[in-house]
Amino acid sequence: MESPVRRPAIPAVSFNDVATALARLVPIALPPTRAGETGASPKVADFLLAWWNGGDNGHFPVLHLCNLDETIAEDMLTVLAYLAQNPVIYADEWGYRDTMAEICERYRGE
């Protein structure tokens, strides 16, 4: 069996690219106040929580990508491209462990 060939549809994404994407995504999911939430907030939270622990926090409906601002969807795809190219890694690696727990508390009430 031949080794899989890297397809150009999945661009190389760096650790820093993901850091930049998360720096934009996290404040959307977790604005300073609930009044600052937008329609994108729960969708971004679903994405982040599904990555963090989908079994407990639910999954991310792929159709959400079609219902978000293009920049937000691209940030999510950046994270997904990185995950496709690297071993298991979570938002904790970028220093978001406590933030993920806060997002979980806000959206899942746990």
N, C-alpha and C. Protein backbone atom coordinates (compact mmCIF):
# COMPACT_ATOMS: atom_id res chain seq x y z
N MET A 1 0.85 -1.18 0.00
CA MET A 1 0.00 0.00 0.00
C MET A 1 0.90 1.24 0.00
N GLU A 2 0.55 2.18 -0.85
CA GLU A 2 1.33 3.40 -0.95
C GLU A 2 1.02 4.34 0.21
N SER A 3 2.02 5.15 0.55
CA SER A 3 1.81 6.17 1.57
C SER A 3 0.85 7.23 1.03
N PRO A 4 0.00 7.77 1.90
CA PRO A 4 -0.91 8.82 1.43
C PRO A 4 -0.13 10.03 0.96
N VAL A 5 -0.63 10.65 -0.06
CA VAL A 5 0.00 11.84 -0.61
C VAL A 5 -0.70 13.06 -0.03
N ARG A 6 0.10 14.01 0.43
CA ARG A 6 -0.46 15.25 0.99
C ARG A 6 -1.16 16.00 -0.13
N ARG A 7 -2.40 16.35 0.10
CA ARG A 7 -3.18 17.07 -0.88
C ARG A 7 -3.09 18.57 -0.61
N PRO A 8 -2.96 19.37 -1.64
CA PRO A 8 -2.85 20.81 -1.44
C PRO A 8 -4.12 21.44 -0.87
N ALA A 9 -5.23 20.70 -0.84
CA ALA A 9 -6.47 21.25 -0.28
C ALA A 9 -6.33 21.51 1.22
N ILE A 10 -5.40 20.82 1.86
CA ILE A 10 -5.14 21.05 3.28
C ILE A 10 -3.81 21.76 3.38
N PRO A 11 -3.84 23.07 3.55
CA PRO A 11 -2.57 23.82 3.59
C PRO A 11 -1.82 23.55 4.89
N ALA A 12 -0.53 23.75 4.84
CA ALA A 12 0.27 23.65 6.05
C ALA A 12 -0.14 24.77 7.00
N VAL A 13 -0.39 24.41 8.24
CA VAL A 13 -0.82 25.38 9.25
C VAL A 13 0.14 25.26 10.43
N SER A 14 0.61 26.38 10.91
CA SER A 14 1.57 26.37 12.02
C SER A 14 0.88 26.52 13.36
N PHE A 15 1.61 26.21 14.40
CA PHE A 15 1.15 26.41 15.77
C PHE A 15 0.73 27.87 15.97
N ASN A 16 1.52 28.79 15.42
CA ASN A 16 1.21 30.22 15.55
C ASN A 16 -0.04 30.62 14.78
N ASP A 17 -0.30 29.96 13.64
CA ASP A 17 -1.53 30.23 12.90
C ASP A 17 -2.75 29.88 13.76
N VAL A 18 -2.65 28.77 14.46
CA VAL A 18 -3.75 28.36 15.34
C VAL A 18 -3.88 29.33 16.51
N ALA A 19 -2.76 29.76 17.04
CA ALA A 19 -2.79 30.74 18.14
C ALA A 19 -3.54 32.00 17.70
N THR A 20 -3.28 32.46 16.50
CA THR A 20 -3.95 33.64 15.97
C THR A 20 -5.44 33.39 15.79
N ALA A 21 -5.78 32.22 15.25
CA ALA A 21 -7.20 31.87 15.05
C ALA A 21 -7.92 31.80 16.40
N LEU A 22 -7.31 31.14 17.37
CA LEU A 22 -7.94 31.02 18.69
C LEU A 22 -8.08 32.38 19.37
N ALA A 23 -7.14 33.26 19.16
CA ALA A 23 -7.22 34.60 19.75
C ALA A 23 -8.42 35.36 19.21
N ARG A 24 -8.89 34.99 18.03
CA ARG A 24 -10.11 35.61 17.48
C ARG A 24 -11.36 34.84 17.87
N LEU A 25 -11.27 33.50 17.92
CA LEU A 25 -12.44 32.68 18.19
C LEU A 25 -12.90 32.75 19.65
N VAL A 26 -11.96 32.67 20.57
CA VAL A 26 -12.31 32.63 21.99
C VAL A 26 -13.14 33.83 22.43
N PRO A 27 -12.77 35.06 22.08
CA PRO A 27 -13.60 36.20 22.50
C PRO A 27 -15.01 36.20 21.88
N ILE A 28 -15.18 35.54 20.75
CA ILE A 28 -16.52 35.43 20.16
C ILE A 28 -17.36 34.49 21.01
N ALA A 29 -16.76 33.36 21.41
CA ALA A 29 -17.48 32.39 22.24
C ALA A 29 -17.67 32.90 23.66
N LEU A 30 -16.74 33.71 24.12
CA LEU A 30 -16.76 34.13 25.52
C LEU A 30 -16.52 35.64 25.63
N PRO A 31 -17.51 36.42 25.17
CA PRO A 31 -17.35 37.88 25.34
C PRO A 31 -17.39 38.21 26.82
N PRO A 32 -16.90 39.41 27.21
CA PRO A 32 -16.84 39.77 28.62
C PRO A 32 -18.18 39.68 29.34
N THR A 33 -19.28 39.94 28.64
CA THR A 33 -20.61 39.85 29.25
C THR A 33 -21.53 39.07 28.32
N ARG A 34 -22.58 38.52 28.87
CA ARG A 34 -23.56 37.82 28.03
C ARG A 34 -24.20 38.78 27.03
N ALA A 35 -24.30 40.04 27.38
CA ALA A 35 -24.87 41.03 26.47
C ALA A 35 -24.02 41.18 25.21
N GLY A 36 -22.75 40.83 25.30
CA GLY A 36 -21.85 40.93 24.16
C GLY A 36 -21.91 39.73 23.22
N GLU A 37 -22.70 38.71 23.57
CA GLU A 37 -22.81 37.54 22.72
C GLU A 37 -23.53 37.89 21.43
N THR A 38 -23.14 37.22 20.36
CA THR A 38 -23.79 37.39 19.06
C THR A 38 -24.35 36.04 18.65
N GLY A 39 -24.98 35.98 17.50
CA GLY A 39 -25.48 34.70 16.99
C GLY A 39 -24.35 33.71 16.74
N ALA A 40 -23.16 34.23 16.52
CA ALA A 40 -22.00 33.36 16.28
C ALA A 40 -21.46 32.76 17.57
N SER A 41 -21.72 33.40 18.68
CA SER A 41 -21.13 32.96 19.96
C SER A 41 -21.40 31.50 20.29
N PRO A 42 -22.65 31.04 20.27
CA PRO A 42 -22.88 29.62 20.61
C PRO A 42 -22.31 28.66 19.57
N LYS A 43 -22.26 29.09 18.31
CA LYS A 43 -21.69 28.22 17.27
C LYS A 43 -20.19 28.05 17.48
N VAL A 44 -19.51 29.14 17.79
CA VAL A 44 -18.07 29.06 18.06
C VAL A 44 -17.83 28.24 19.33
N ALA A 45 -18.67 28.44 20.33
CA ALA A 45 -18.56 27.65 21.56
C ALA A 45 -18.75 26.16 21.24
N ASP A 46 -19.73 25.82 20.41
CA ASP A 46 -19.93 24.42 20.02
C ASP A 46 -18.68 23.85 19.39
N PHE A 47 -18.06 24.62 18.51
CA PHE A 47 -16.83 24.18 17.84
C PHE A 47 -15.72 23.91 18.85
N LEU A 48 -15.47 24.89 19.71
CA LEU A 48 -14.39 24.76 20.69
C LEU A 48 -14.65 23.63 21.68
N LEU A 49 -15.90 23.51 22.12
CA LEU A 49 -16.22 22.47 23.10
C LEU A 49 -16.21 21.07 22.48
N ALA A 50 -16.60 20.97 21.22
CA ALA A 50 -16.53 19.66 20.55
C ALA A 50 -15.08 19.22 20.41
N TRP A 51 -14.19 20.17 20.16
CA TRP A 51 -12.76 19.86 20.09
C TRP A 51 -12.24 19.49 21.46
N TRP A 52 -12.64 20.21 22.47
CA TRP A 52 -12.12 20.01 23.82
C TRP A 52 -12.57 18.66 24.39
N ASN A 53 -13.87 18.33 24.20
CA ASN A 53 -14.38 17.06 24.70
C ASN A 53 -15.77 16.84 24.11
N GLY A 54 -15.80 16.43 22.84
CA GLY A 54 -17.07 16.24 22.15
C GLY A 54 -17.98 15.22 22.79
N GLY A 55 -17.41 14.19 23.38
CA GLY A 55 -18.22 13.15 24.01
C GLY A 55 -19.09 13.70 25.14
N ASP A 56 -18.55 14.62 25.90
CA ASP A 56 -19.30 15.21 27.01
C ASP A 56 -20.01 16.50 26.64
N ASN A 57 -19.44 17.26 25.70
CA ASN A 57 -19.94 18.60 25.42
C ASN A 57 -20.75 18.71 24.14
N GLY A 58 -20.96 17.61 23.46
CA GLY A 58 -21.71 17.66 22.21
C GLY A 58 -20.79 17.87 21.03
N HIS A 59 -21.35 17.75 19.87
CA HIS A 59 -20.56 17.84 18.66
C HIS A 59 -20.86 19.12 17.91
N PHE A 60 -20.04 19.42 16.94
CA PHE A 60 -20.16 20.63 16.15
C PHE A 60 -20.84 20.31 14.83
N PRO A 61 -22.04 20.83 14.61
CA PRO A 61 -22.70 20.61 13.32
C PRO A 61 -21.91 21.31 12.20
N VAL A 62 -21.47 20.57 11.21
CA VAL A 62 -20.67 21.12 10.13
C VAL A 62 -21.41 22.26 9.42
N LEU A 63 -22.73 22.18 9.38
CA LEU A 63 -23.52 23.23 8.73
C LEU A 63 -23.31 24.60 9.39
N HIS A 64 -22.86 24.62 10.63
CA HIS A 64 -22.56 25.90 11.29
C HIS A 64 -21.56 26.72 10.46
N LEU A 65 -20.65 26.04 9.78
CA LEU A 65 -19.66 26.76 8.97
C LEU A 65 -20.33 27.64 7.91
N CYS A 66 -21.46 27.18 7.40
CA CYS A 66 -22.18 27.94 6.37
C CYS A 66 -22.94 29.13 6.97
N ASN A 67 -23.12 29.12 8.26
CA ASN A 67 -23.93 30.13 8.91
C ASN A 67 -23.11 31.10 9.74
N LEU A 68 -21.84 31.19 9.44
CA LEU A 68 -20.94 32.08 10.16
C LEU A 68 -20.27 33.04 9.19
N ASP A 69 -19.79 34.12 9.72
CA ASP A 69 -18.98 35.04 8.94
C ASP A 69 -17.80 34.26 8.36
N GLU A 70 -17.41 34.60 7.16
CA GLU A 70 -16.34 33.88 6.47
C GLU A 70 -15.04 33.84 7.28
N THR A 71 -14.71 34.92 7.95
CA THR A 71 -13.47 34.97 8.74
C THR A 71 -13.52 33.99 9.91
N ILE A 72 -14.67 33.90 10.55
CA ILE A 72 -14.83 32.97 11.67
C ILE A 72 -14.69 31.53 11.16
N ALA A 73 -15.38 31.23 10.05
CA ALA A 73 -15.30 29.88 9.48
C ALA A 73 -13.86 29.55 9.09
N GLU A 74 -13.14 30.51 8.52
CA GLU A 74 -11.75 30.27 8.14
C GLU A 74 -10.87 30.01 9.36
N ASP A 75 -11.14 30.70 10.46
CA ASP A 75 -10.38 30.44 11.69
C ASP A 75 -10.64 29.01 12.17
N MET A 76 -11.89 28.56 12.08
CA MET A 76 -12.20 27.19 12.47
C MET A 76 -11.48 26.20 11.56
N LEU A 77 -11.47 26.49 10.26
CA LEU A 77 -10.79 25.60 9.32
C LEU A 77 -9.28 25.58 9.55
N THR A 78 -8.74 26.69 10.00
CA THR A 78 -7.32 26.73 10.36
C THR A 78 -7.03 25.75 11.48
N VAL A 79 -7.88 25.76 12.49
CA VAL A 79 -7.72 24.83 13.61
C VAL A 79 -7.86 23.39 13.10
N LEU A 80 -8.88 23.13 12.30
CA LEU A 80 -9.09 21.79 11.78
C LEU A 80 -7.93 21.32 10.91
N ALA A 81 -7.38 22.20 10.08
CA ALA A 81 -6.24 21.82 9.24
C ALA A 81 -5.04 21.45 10.11
N TYR A 82 -4.83 22.20 11.18
CA TYR A 82 -3.72 21.88 12.09
C TYR A 82 -3.95 20.52 12.74
N LEU A 83 -5.18 20.27 13.18
CA LEU A 83 -5.49 19.00 13.82
C LEU A 83 -5.31 17.83 12.85
N ALA A 84 -5.58 18.06 11.57
CA ALA A 84 -5.42 17.00 10.57
C ALA A 84 -3.95 16.65 10.34
N GLN A 85 -3.06 17.56 10.71
CA GLN A 85 -1.64 17.38 10.43
C GLN A 85 -0.81 17.03 11.66
N ASN A 86 -1.43 17.00 12.83
CA ASN A 86 -0.67 16.81 14.07
C ASN A 86 -1.35 15.79 14.96
N PRO A 87 -0.59 15.22 15.88
CA PRO A 87 -1.19 14.29 16.83
C PRO A 87 -2.19 15.03 17.72
N VAL A 88 -2.88 14.28 18.52
CA VAL A 88 -3.91 14.84 19.39
C VAL A 88 -3.37 16.03 20.18
N ILE A 89 -4.04 17.14 20.04
CA ILE A 89 -3.64 18.36 20.72
C ILE A 89 -4.90 19.16 21.01
N TYR A 90 -4.92 19.82 22.13
CA TYR A 90 -6.10 20.57 22.56
C TYR A 90 -5.76 22.03 22.81
N ALA A 91 -6.78 22.83 23.03
CA ALA A 91 -6.62 24.27 23.25
C ALA A 91 -5.73 24.56 24.46
N ASP A 92 -5.59 23.59 25.33
CA ASP A 92 -4.71 23.74 26.50
C ASP A 92 -3.29 24.12 26.07
N GLU A 93 -2.84 23.59 24.92
CA GLU A 93 -1.49 23.84 24.44
C GLU A 93 -1.24 25.32 24.14
N TRP A 94 -2.31 26.06 23.93
CA TRP A 94 -2.19 27.50 23.66
C TRP A 94 -2.57 28.33 24.88
N GLY A 95 -2.71 27.65 26.04
CA GLY A 95 -2.98 28.35 27.28
C GLY A 95 -4.45 28.63 27.55
N TYR A 96 -5.35 27.87 26.93
CA TYR A 96 -6.79 28.12 27.06
C TYR A 96 -7.51 27.13 27.97
N ARG A 97 -6.81 26.39 28.80
CA ARG A 97 -7.47 25.39 29.64
C ARG A 97 -8.57 26.00 30.52
N ASP A 98 -8.25 27.04 31.25
CA ASP A 98 -9.25 27.67 32.12
C ASP A 98 -10.36 28.33 31.32
N THR A 99 -9.99 28.89 30.18
CA THR A 99 -10.98 29.53 29.32
C THR A 99 -11.96 28.50 28.78
N MET A 100 -11.47 27.34 28.39
CA MET A 100 -12.35 26.29 27.91
C MET A 100 -13.33 25.86 28.99
N ALA A 101 -12.85 25.77 30.22
CA ALA A 101 -13.74 25.42 31.33
C ALA A 101 -14.81 26.51 31.50
N GLU A 102 -14.42 27.76 31.32
CA GLU A 102 -15.38 28.86 31.44
C GLU A 102 -16.41 28.82 30.31
N ILE A 103 -15.97 28.50 29.10
CA ILE A 103 -16.90 28.37 27.98
C ILE A 103 -17.87 27.22 28.26
N CYS A 104 -17.36 26.12 28.78
CA CYS A 104 -18.21 24.98 29.13
C CYS A 104 -19.24 25.38 30.17
N GLU A 105 -18.81 26.09 31.17
CA GLU A 105 -19.73 26.55 32.23
C GLU A 105 -20.83 27.43 31.65
N ARG A 106 -20.43 28.36 30.76
CA ARG A 106 -21.41 29.30 30.21
C ARG A 106 -22.43 28.60 29.31
N TYR A 107 -21.96 27.69 28.46
CA TYR A 107 -22.85 27.10 27.45
C TYR A 107 -23.41 25.74 27.81
N ARG A 108 -22.77 25.05 28.73
CA ARG A 108 -23.26 23.72 29.10
C ARG A 108 -23.72 23.69 30.56
N GLY A 109 -23.46 24.76 31.28
CA GLY A 109 -23.94 24.86 32.66
C GLY A 109 -23.35 23.84 33.61
N GLU A 110 -22.12 23.43 33.33
CA GLU A 110 -21.50 22.41 34.18
C GLU A 110 -20.42 23.04 35.04
